[in-house]
C-alpha atoms as a PDB file:
ATOM      1  CA  UNK A   1     -11.795  16.493 -18.569  1.00  0.00           C
ATOM      2  CA  UNK A   2      -8.598  17.825 -17.028  1.00  0.00           C
ATOM      3  CA  UNK A   3      -9.801  16.639 -12.518  1.00  0.00           C
ATOM      4  CA  UNK A   4      -6.042  17.223 -11.370  1.00  0.00           C
ATOM      5  CA  UNK A   5      -5.269  20.478  -9.695  1.00  0.00           C
ATOM      6  CA  UNK A   6      -1.257  21.396 -10.840  1.00  0.00           C
ATOM      7  CA  UNK A   7       1.124  21.578  -8.798  1.00  0.00           C
ATOM      8  CA  UNK A   8      -0.362  18.242  -6.904  1.00  0.00           C
ATOM      9  CA  UNK A   9      -0.825  19.090  -3.132  1.00  0.00           C
ATOM     10  CA  UNK A  10      -3.215  16.514  -0.707  1.00  0.00           C
ATOM     11  CA  UNK A  11      -4.841  17.553   2.335  1.00  0.00           C
ATOM     12  CA  UNK A  12      -5.172  14.786   4.665  1.00  0.00           C
ATOM     13  CA  UNK A  13      -7.532  14.877   7.583  1.00  0.00           C
ATOM     14  CA  UNK A  14      -6.130  15.092  11.053  1.00  0.00           C
ATOM     15  CA  UNK A  15      -9.007  12.958  12.692  1.00  0.00           C
ATOM     16  CA  UNK A  16      -8.718   9.891   9.604  1.00  0.00           C
ATOM     17  CA  UNK A  17      -4.802  10.124   8.971  1.00  0.00           C
ATOM     18  CA  UNK A  18      -4.082   6.602   9.837  1.00  0.00           C
ATOM     19  CA  UNK A  19      -8.049   5.427   8.376  1.00  0.00           C
ATOM     20  CA  UNK A  20      -6.707   3.315   6.047  1.00  0.00           C
ATOM     21  CA  UNK A  21      -3.660   2.123   7.333  1.00  0.00           C
ATOM     22  CA  UNK A  22      -5.951   0.624   9.861  1.00  0.00           C
ATOM     23  CA  UNK A  23      -8.583  -0.204   8.037  1.00  0.00           C
ATOM     24  CA  UNK A  24      -7.018  -1.628   4.236  1.00  0.00           C
ATOM     25  CA  UNK A  25      -3.520  -2.080   5.416  1.00  0.00           C
ATOM     26  CA  UNK A  26      -2.793   1.269   2.998  1.00  0.00           C
ATOM     27  CA  UNK A  27      -0.717   3.939   3.292  1.00  0.00           C
ATOM     28  CA  UNK A  28      -0.765   7.512   3.358  1.00  0.00           C
ATOM     29  CA  UNK A  29       2.897   7.698   0.945  1.00  0.00           C
ATOM     30  CA  UNK A  30       1.457   4.356  -0.858  1.00  0.00           C
ATOM     31  CA  UNK A  31      -1.735   6.425  -1.179  1.00  0.00           C
ATOM     32  CA  UNK A  32      -0.169   9.321  -3.135  1.00  0.00           C
ATOM     33  CA  UNK A  33       1.742   7.166  -5.335  1.00  0.00           C
ATOM     34  CA  UNK A  34      -0.864   6.040  -7.276  1.00  0.00           C
ATOM     35  CA  UNK A  35      -1.274  10.032  -8.138  1.00  0.00           C
ATOM     36  CA  UNK A  36       2.248  10.052 -10.334  1.00  0.00           C
ATOM     37  CA  UNK A  37       2.184   6.607 -11.877  1.00  0.00           C
ATOM     38  CA  UNK A  38       0.433   5.531 -14.861  1.00  0.00           C
ATOM     39  CA  UNK A  39      -2.363   4.628 -16.247  1.00  0.00           C
ATOM     40  CA  UNK A  40      -4.093   6.327 -13.756  1.00  0.00           C
ATOM     41  CA  UNK A  41      -7.454   6.993 -14.534  1.00  0.00           C
ATOM     42  CA  UNK A  42      -9.992   9.077 -13.228  1.00  0.00           C
ATOM     43  CA  UNK A  43     -13.661   9.131 -13.024  1.00  0.00           C
ATOM     44  CA  UNK A  44     -16.281  11.528 -11.421  1.00  0.00           C
ATOM     45  CA  UNK A  45     -18.389   9.581  -8.687  1.00  0.00           C
ATOM     46  CA  UNK A  46     -21.662  11.306  -8.928  1.00  0.00           C
ATOM     47  CA  UNK A  47     -23.720   9.229  -7.207  1.00  0.00           C
ATOM     48  CA  UNK A  48     -21.466  10.547  -3.756  1.00  0.00           C
ATOM     49  CA  UNK A  49     -21.351  13.585  -5.186  1.00  0.00           C
ATOM     50  CA  UNK A  50     -24.505  15.359  -3.289  1.00  0.00           C
ATOM     51  CA  UNK A  51     -22.126  18.327  -0.560  1.00  0.00           C
ATOM     52  CA  UNK A  52     -18.988  18.332  -3.285  1.00  0.00           C
ATOM     53  CA  UNK A  53     -17.535  17.409  -5.996  1.00  0.00           C
ATOM     54  CA  UNK A  54     -15.899  13.596  -6.181  1.00  0.00           C
ATOM     55  CA  UNK A  55     -13.703  11.404  -7.990  1.00  0.00           C
ATOM     56  CA  UNK A  56     -12.335   8.307  -8.162  1.00  0.00           C
ATOM     57  CA  UNK A  57      -9.709   6.253  -9.216  1.00  0.00           C
ATOM     58  CA  UNK A  58      -7.818   3.555 -10.326  1.00  0.00           C
ATOM     59  CA  UNK A  59      -4.071   3.066 -10.178  1.00  0.00           C
ATOM     60  CA  UNK A  60      -0.800   1.335  -9.051  1.00  0.00           C
ATOM     61  CA  UNK A  61       1.667   2.754  -6.383  1.00  0.00           C
ATOM     62  CA  UNK A  62       5.298   2.309  -7.649  1.00  0.00           C
ATOM     63  CA  UNK A  63       5.235  -1.827  -6.064  1.00  0.00           C
ATOM     64  CA  UNK A  64       2.600  -2.701  -8.487  1.00  0.00           C
ATOM     65  CA  UNK A  65      -0.324  -2.556  -5.714  1.00  0.00           C
ATOM     66  CA  UNK A  66      -3.602  -1.798  -7.090  1.00  0.00           C
ATOM     67  CA  UNK A  67      -5.694   1.012  -5.972  1.00  0.00           C
ATOM     68  CA  UNK A  68      -9.379   1.975  -5.857  1.00  0.00           C
ATOM     69  CA  UNK A  69      -9.353   5.492  -4.042  1.00  0.00           C
ATOM     70  CA  UNK A  70     -11.732   7.893  -3.466  1.00  0.00           C
ATOM     71  CA  UNK A  71     -11.324  11.777  -3.463  1.00  0.00           C
ATOM     72  CA  UNK A  72     -12.157  15.251  -3.020  1.00  0.00           C
ATOM     73  CA  UNK A  73     -10.850  18.445  -4.483  1.00  0.00           C
ATOM     74  CA  UNK A  74     -10.478  21.237  -1.732  1.00  0.00           C
ATOM     75  CA  UNK A  75      -8.803  24.629  -2.518  1.00  0.00           C
ATOM     76  CA  UNK A  76      -6.451  22.736  -5.287  1.00  0.00           C
ATOM     77  CA  UNK A  77      -5.525  20.088  -2.708  1.00  0.00           C
ATOM     78  CA  UNK A  78      -6.406  16.125  -2.737  1.00  0.00           C
ATOM     79  CA  UNK A  79      -8.705  15.380   0.263  1.00  0.00           C
ATOM     80  CA  UNK A  80      -8.581  10.951  -0.031  1.00  0.00           C
ATOM     81  CA  UNK A  81     -11.599  10.191   1.649  1.00  0.00           C
ATOM     82  CA  UNK A  82     -10.980   6.535   1.072  1.00  0.00           C
ATOM     83  CA  UNK A  83      -8.107   4.337  -0.076  1.00  0.00           C
ATOM     84  CA  UNK A  84      -8.509   0.066  -0.777  1.00  0.00           C
ATOM     85  CA  UNK A  85      -7.275  -2.636  -3.191  1.00  0.00           C
ATOM     86  CA  UNK A  86      -9.145  -2.843  -6.033  1.00  0.00           C
ATOM     87  CA  UNK A  87     -11.707  -6.160  -6.173  1.00  0.00           C
ATOM     88  CA  UNK A  88     -11.773  -8.507  -9.187  1.00  0.00           C
ATOM     89  CA  UNK A  89     -14.111  -6.112 -11.443  1.00  0.00           C
ATOM     90  CA  UNK A  90     -12.274  -2.840 -10.996  1.00  0.00           C
ATOM     91  CA  UNK A  91      -9.041  -4.855 -11.807  1.00  0.00           C
ATOM     92  CA  UNK A  92     -10.283  -6.137 -14.730  1.00  0.00           C
ATOM     93  CA  UNK A  93     -11.387  -2.494 -15.935  1.00  0.00           C
ATOM     94  CA  UNK A  94      -7.606  -0.968 -15.783  1.00  0.00           C
ATOM     95  CA  UNK A  95      -6.194  -3.899 -17.157  1.00  0.00           C
ATOM     96  CA  UNK A  96      -8.761  -3.586 -20.350  1.00  0.00           C
ATOM     97  CA  UNK A  97      -7.697   0.320 -19.967  1.00  0.00           C
ATOM     98  CA  UNK A  98      -4.068   0.229 -19.485  1.00  0.00           C
ATOM     99  CA  UNK A  99      -3.858  -2.770 -22.504  1.00  0.00           C
ATOM    100  CA  UNK A 100      -5.618  -0.510 -24.784  1.00  0.00           C
ATOM    101  CA  UNK A 101      -3.329   2.860 -23.651  1.00  0.00           C
ATOM    102  CA  UNK A 102      -0.447   1.341 -24.132  1.00  0.00           C
ATOM    103  CA  UNK A 103       1.583   2.209 -27.575  1.00  0.00           C
END
């Protein structure tokens, strides 16, 4: 399933520009890094996709910080809704998938 637009372009809501930094200590730059590092695991968030299609993702930053993201795609731009450190269950899932996809 192809989800991400090409090229990858981000759209940041001016009202929430520093929300994830203040709430979860995750910068916008760190958030964007996750989209370019492997493995990057994306799945549809059907529970929160009432007015628009939303996605959740697990990935890592350039400094190997493991993050959980929630995002939408609007007009071929990625719009971050929320980002935080992965919880224990998400880290286990990520590691399991990471291990199974290594060659």
